Amino acid sequence: MKISSSINLFLTDELREFIDRNTGDGSLYATPSEFLRCLIRQKKEKLEATELRQAIISGYRDAISGNVYEFSGDLKKDMKAFQKKSAINND
C-alpha cells in the first residue's frame, strides 16, 4: 500500500487521552496512526454498507411495485436497453 499523504490533527485533551488509552503496550494498536486508520476504515465500511443496504431496499421496492425488467441473459445488452429507455423517459 502506497502512502500518499499525511494529516496533522489538533485534538482536545479528551480525544488525545482516548487515543493514548487505545494504543501502545497492552492494546490492540501499536501506534495512534494505526488506531486512527482503523477507525477511518470502519467508518468507510459502514458508509458503504449503508449505501448498499439502501440500494437493496430500492431494488425490493421496485420489484414490489412491478418496476422490473426481464433478464435476457446478456447483462450489457439489458443495461444499454434500460439506459436508453430511461433517457427517453427523462426527456
N, C-alpha and C. Protein backbone atom coordinates (compact mmCIF):
# COMPACT_ATOMS: atom_id res chain seq x y z
N MET A 1 0.84 -1.16 0.00
CA MET A 1 0.00 0.00 0.00
C MET A 1 0.90 1.24 0.00
N LYS A 2 0.63 2.13 -0.91
CA LYS A 2 1.40 3.36 -1.04
C LYS A 2 0.81 4.45 -0.15
N ILE A 3 1.65 5.08 0.64
CA ILE A 3 1.21 6.20 1.46
C ILE A 3 1.33 7.45 0.62
N SER A 4 0.19 8.13 0.41
CA SER A 4 0.20 9.27 -0.50
C SER A 4 0.24 10.61 0.22
N SER A 5 -0.22 10.66 1.44
CA SER A 5 -0.20 11.95 2.14
C SER A 5 -0.35 11.73 3.64
N SER A 6 -0.18 12.80 4.36
CA SER A 6 -0.36 12.74 5.81
C SER A 6 -1.25 13.89 6.24
N ILE A 7 -1.79 13.77 7.44
CA ILE A 7 -2.66 14.79 8.01
C ILE A 7 -2.18 15.10 9.41
N ASN A 8 -2.11 16.37 9.73
CA ASN A 8 -1.83 16.78 11.10
C ASN A 8 -3.14 17.14 11.77
N LEU A 9 -3.40 16.58 12.94
CA LEU A 9 -4.64 16.82 13.65
C LEU A 9 -4.39 17.56 14.95
N PHE A 10 -5.27 18.48 15.25
CA PHE A 10 -5.27 19.13 16.56
C PHE A 10 -6.43 18.54 17.32
N LEU A 11 -6.14 17.92 18.47
CA LEU A 11 -7.14 17.21 19.25
C LEU A 11 -7.33 17.86 20.61
N THR A 12 -8.52 17.67 21.14
CA THR A 12 -8.74 18.09 22.53
C THR A 12 -7.97 17.13 23.43
N ASP A 13 -7.75 17.53 24.65
CA ASP A 13 -7.06 16.66 25.60
C ASP A 13 -7.84 15.36 25.79
N GLU A 14 -9.16 15.45 25.81
CA GLU A 14 -10.00 14.26 25.98
C GLU A 14 -9.81 13.26 24.84
N LEU A 15 -9.78 13.75 23.60
CA LEU A 15 -9.57 12.85 22.46
C LEU A 15 -8.17 12.26 22.46
N ARG A 16 -7.19 13.07 22.81
CA ARG A 16 -5.81 12.57 22.85
C ARG A 16 -5.67 11.48 23.91
N GLU A 17 -6.30 11.66 25.06
CA GLU A 17 -6.26 10.65 26.12
C GLU A 17 -6.95 9.36 25.66
N PHE A 18 -8.04 9.50 24.92
CA PHE A 18 -8.74 8.33 24.39
C PHE A 18 -7.82 7.55 23.45
N ILE A 19 -7.14 8.26 22.56
CA ILE A 19 -6.21 7.61 21.64
C ILE A 19 -5.08 6.94 22.41
N ASP A 20 -4.54 7.63 23.38
CA ASP A 20 -3.44 7.07 24.18
C ASP A 20 -3.87 5.81 24.93
N ARG A 21 -5.12 5.78 25.42
CA ARG A 21 -5.62 4.59 26.13
C ARG A 21 -5.78 3.39 25.20
N ASN A 22 -5.94 3.66 23.91
CA ASN A 22 -6.20 2.59 22.95
C ASN A 22 -5.00 2.23 22.08
N THR A 23 -3.85 2.76 22.41
CA THR A 23 -2.63 2.45 21.65
C THR A 23 -1.48 2.14 22.59
N GLY A 24 -0.49 1.48 22.04
CA GLY A 24 0.71 1.18 22.82
C GLY A 24 0.64 -0.18 23.47
N ASP A 25 1.49 -0.39 24.46
CA ASP A 25 1.60 -1.68 25.14
C ASP A 25 0.25 -2.10 25.74
N GLY A 26 -0.09 -3.36 25.55
CA GLY A 26 -1.30 -3.91 26.13
C GLY A 26 -2.57 -3.54 25.37
N SER A 27 -2.43 -2.94 24.21
CA SER A 27 -3.61 -2.57 23.43
C SER A 27 -3.57 -3.25 22.08
N LEU A 28 -4.64 -3.11 21.33
CA LEU A 28 -4.74 -3.73 20.02
C LEU A 28 -3.90 -3.01 18.97
N TYR A 29 -3.65 -1.72 19.17
CA TYR A 29 -2.94 -0.90 18.18
C TYR A 29 -1.61 -0.42 18.73
N ALA A 30 -0.58 -0.57 17.94
CA ALA A 30 0.76 -0.19 18.38
C ALA A 30 0.95 1.33 18.38
N THR A 31 0.34 2.00 17.41
CA THR A 31 0.55 3.44 17.27
C THR A 31 -0.77 4.18 17.11
N PRO A 32 -0.80 5.47 17.43
CA PRO A 32 -2.00 6.26 17.18
C PRO A 32 -2.41 6.26 15.70
N SER A 33 -1.44 6.28 14.80
CA SER A 33 -1.76 6.26 13.37
C SER A 33 -2.50 4.99 12.99
N GLU A 34 -2.03 3.87 13.50
CA GLU A 34 -2.68 2.58 13.21
C GLU A 34 -4.12 2.59 13.73
N PHE A 35 -4.33 3.10 14.92
CA PHE A 35 -5.65 3.17 15.53
C PHE A 35 -6.58 4.07 14.71
N LEU A 36 -6.11 5.24 14.34
CA LEU A 36 -6.94 6.17 13.58
C LEU A 36 -7.25 5.65 12.18
N ARG A 37 -6.28 5.01 11.53
CA ARG A 37 -6.55 4.41 10.21
C ARG A 37 -7.64 3.36 10.32
N CYS A 38 -7.61 2.56 11.38
CA CYS A 38 -8.62 1.54 11.58
C CYS A 38 -10.00 2.18 11.78
N LEU A 39 -10.08 3.23 12.56
CA LEU A 39 -11.35 3.92 12.77
C LEU A 39 -11.89 4.49 11.46
N ILE A 40 -11.02 5.05 10.66
CA ILE A 40 -11.43 5.62 9.38
C ILE A 40 -11.93 4.52 8.45
N ARG A 41 -11.22 3.39 8.41
CA ARG A 41 -11.66 2.26 7.58
C ARG A 41 -13.03 1.74 8.03
N GLN A 42 -13.22 1.65 9.35
CA GLN A 42 -14.50 1.19 9.87
C GLN A 42 -15.63 2.13 9.45
N LYS A 43 -15.40 3.42 9.54
CA LYS A 43 -16.40 4.41 9.14
C LYS A 43 -16.70 4.28 7.65
N LYS A 44 -15.66 4.13 6.84
CA LYS A 44 -15.82 3.99 5.40
C LYS A 44 -16.65 2.74 5.08
N GLU A 45 -16.33 1.62 5.72
CA GLU A 45 -17.07 0.38 5.50
C GLU A 45 -18.53 0.53 5.93
N LYS A 46 -18.77 1.23 7.02
CA LYS A 46 -20.13 1.45 7.50
C LYS A 46 -20.93 2.28 6.49
N LEU A 47 -20.32 3.33 5.96
CA LEU A 47 -21.00 4.15 4.95
C LEU A 47 -21.28 3.35 3.68
N GLU A 48 -20.32 2.55 3.25
CA GLU A 48 -20.52 1.72 2.05
C GLU A 48 -21.62 0.69 2.28
N ALA A 49 -21.68 0.11 3.48
CA ALA A 49 -22.72 -0.86 3.80
C ALA A 49 -24.09 -0.19 3.81
N THR A 50 -24.15 1.03 4.31
CA THR A 50 -25.41 1.78 4.32
C THR A 50 -25.88 2.05 2.89
N GLU A 51 -24.96 2.46 2.02
CA GLU A 51 -25.31 2.70 0.61
C GLU A 51 -25.80 1.42 -0.05
N LEU A 52 -25.13 0.32 0.20
CA LEU A 52 -25.53 -0.97 -0.37
C LEU A 52 -26.91 -1.38 0.14
N ARG A 53 -27.13 -1.22 1.44
CA ARG A 53 -28.42 -1.56 2.03
C ARG A 53 -29.53 -0.73 1.40
N GLN A 54 -29.29 0.57 1.18
CA GLN A 54 -30.29 1.43 0.54
C GLN A 54 -30.57 1.00 -0.89
N ALA A 55 -29.53 0.58 -1.61
CA ALA A 55 -29.72 0.11 -2.98
C ALA A 55 -30.54 -1.18 -3.00
N ILE A 56 -30.31 -2.06 -2.06
CA ILE A 56 -31.08 -3.30 -1.97
C ILE A 56 -32.54 -2.99 -1.66
N ILE A 57 -32.77 -2.10 -0.71
CA ILE A 57 -34.14 -1.71 -0.37
C ILE A 57 -34.83 -1.08 -1.57
N SER A 58 -34.12 -0.24 -2.30
CA SER A 58 -34.67 0.38 -3.51
C SER A 58 -35.05 -0.70 -4.53
N GLY A 59 -34.20 -1.70 -4.68
CA GLY A 59 -34.49 -2.80 -5.59
C GLY A 59 -35.72 -3.58 -5.17
N TYR A 60 -35.87 -3.84 -3.87
CA TYR A 60 -37.06 -4.52 -3.38
C TYR A 60 -38.32 -3.69 -3.67
N ARG A 61 -38.22 -2.38 -3.44
CA ARG A 61 -39.37 -1.51 -3.70
C ARG A 61 -39.75 -1.53 -5.18
N ASP A 62 -38.74 -1.52 -6.05
CA ASP A 62 -39.01 -1.61 -7.49
C ASP A 62 -39.71 -2.93 -7.81
N ALA A 63 -39.21 -4.01 -7.26
CA ALA A 63 -39.81 -5.32 -7.53
C ALA A 63 -41.25 -5.38 -7.04
N ILE A 64 -41.51 -4.85 -5.85
CA ILE A 64 -42.86 -4.85 -5.29
C ILE A 64 -43.80 -4.03 -6.15
N SER A 65 -43.31 -2.90 -6.68
CA SER A 65 -44.17 -2.03 -7.48
C SER A 65 -44.28 -2.49 -8.94
N GLY A 66 -43.58 -3.56 -9.26
CA GLY A 66 -43.66 -4.09 -10.62
C GLY A 66 -42.72 -3.42 -11.60
N ASN A 67 -41.84 -2.59 -11.11
CA ASN A 67 -40.86 -1.91 -11.96
C ASN A 67 -39.66 -2.84 -12.17
N VAL A 68 -39.86 -3.86 -13.00
CA VAL A 68 -38.83 -4.88 -13.22
C VAL A 68 -38.63 -5.07 -14.71
N TYR A 69 -37.51 -5.66 -15.07
CA TYR A 69 -37.16 -5.94 -16.45
C TYR A 69 -36.74 -7.40 -16.54
N GLU A 70 -37.19 -8.06 -17.58
CA GLU A 70 -36.82 -9.46 -17.77
C GLU A 70 -35.36 -9.55 -18.19
N PHE A 71 -34.62 -10.44 -17.57
CA PHE A 71 -33.21 -10.63 -17.87
C PHE A 71 -33.07 -11.53 -19.09
N SER A 72 -32.37 -11.02 -20.10
CA SER A 72 -32.23 -11.76 -21.36
C SER A 72 -31.07 -12.74 -21.34
N GLY A 73 -30.22 -12.63 -20.33
CA GLY A 73 -29.01 -13.45 -20.29
C GLY A 73 -27.78 -12.67 -20.72
N ASP A 74 -27.99 -11.45 -21.23
CA ASP A 74 -26.89 -10.58 -21.67
C ASP A 74 -27.00 -9.27 -20.88
N LEU A 75 -26.26 -9.18 -19.80
CA LEU A 75 -26.36 -8.03 -18.91
C LEU A 75 -26.01 -6.72 -19.61
N LYS A 76 -24.97 -6.71 -20.45
CA LYS A 76 -24.59 -5.49 -21.15
C LYS A 76 -25.72 -5.00 -22.05
N LYS A 77 -26.31 -5.92 -22.77
CA LYS A 77 -27.42 -5.57 -23.67
C LYS A 77 -28.60 -5.03 -22.86
N ASP A 78 -28.93 -5.70 -21.76
CA ASP A 78 -30.05 -5.26 -20.93
C ASP A 78 -29.79 -3.89 -20.33
N MET A 79 -28.56 -3.63 -19.89
CA MET A 79 -28.23 -2.33 -19.31
C MET A 79 -28.34 -1.22 -20.35
N LYS A 80 -27.89 -1.49 -21.56
CA LYS A 80 -28.00 -0.49 -22.63
C LYS A 80 -29.46 -0.18 -22.92
N ALA A 81 -30.29 -1.21 -22.98
CA ALA A 81 -31.72 -1.02 -23.24
C ALA A 81 -32.37 -0.23 -22.11
N PHE A 82 -31.99 -0.55 -20.87
CA PHE A 82 -32.53 0.17 -19.72
C PHE A 82 -32.12 1.64 -19.75
N GLN A 83 -30.83 1.90 -20.02
CA GLN A 83 -30.35 3.28 -20.08
C GLN A 83 -31.03 4.05 -21.19
N LYS A 84 -31.23 3.41 -22.33
CA LYS A 84 -31.90 4.06 -23.46
C LYS A 84 -33.35 4.40 -23.08
N LYS A 85 -34.04 3.46 -22.46
CA LYS A 85 -35.42 3.67 -22.04
C LYS A 85 -35.49 4.78 -20.98
N SER A 86 -34.55 4.78 -20.05
CA SER A 86 -34.51 5.81 -19.01
C SER A 86 -34.28 7.19 -19.61
N ALA A 87 -33.40 7.28 -20.60
CA ALA A 87 -33.10 8.56 -21.25
C ALA A 87 -34.33 9.09 -21.97
N ILE A 88 -35.08 8.21 -22.61
CA ILE A 88 -36.30 8.61 -23.33
C ILE A 88 -37.35 9.09 -22.33
N ASN A 89 -37.49 8.40 -21.21
CA ASN A 89 -38.49 8.76 -20.19
C ASN A 89 -38.14 10.06 -19.47
N ASN A 90 -36.85 10.40 -19.41
CA ASN A 90 -36.42 11.61 -18.70
C ASN A 90 -36.46 12.85 -19.59
N ASP A 91 -36.66 12.68 -20.89
CA ASP A 91 -36.73 13.83 -21.79
C ASP A 91 -38.08 14.48 -21.81
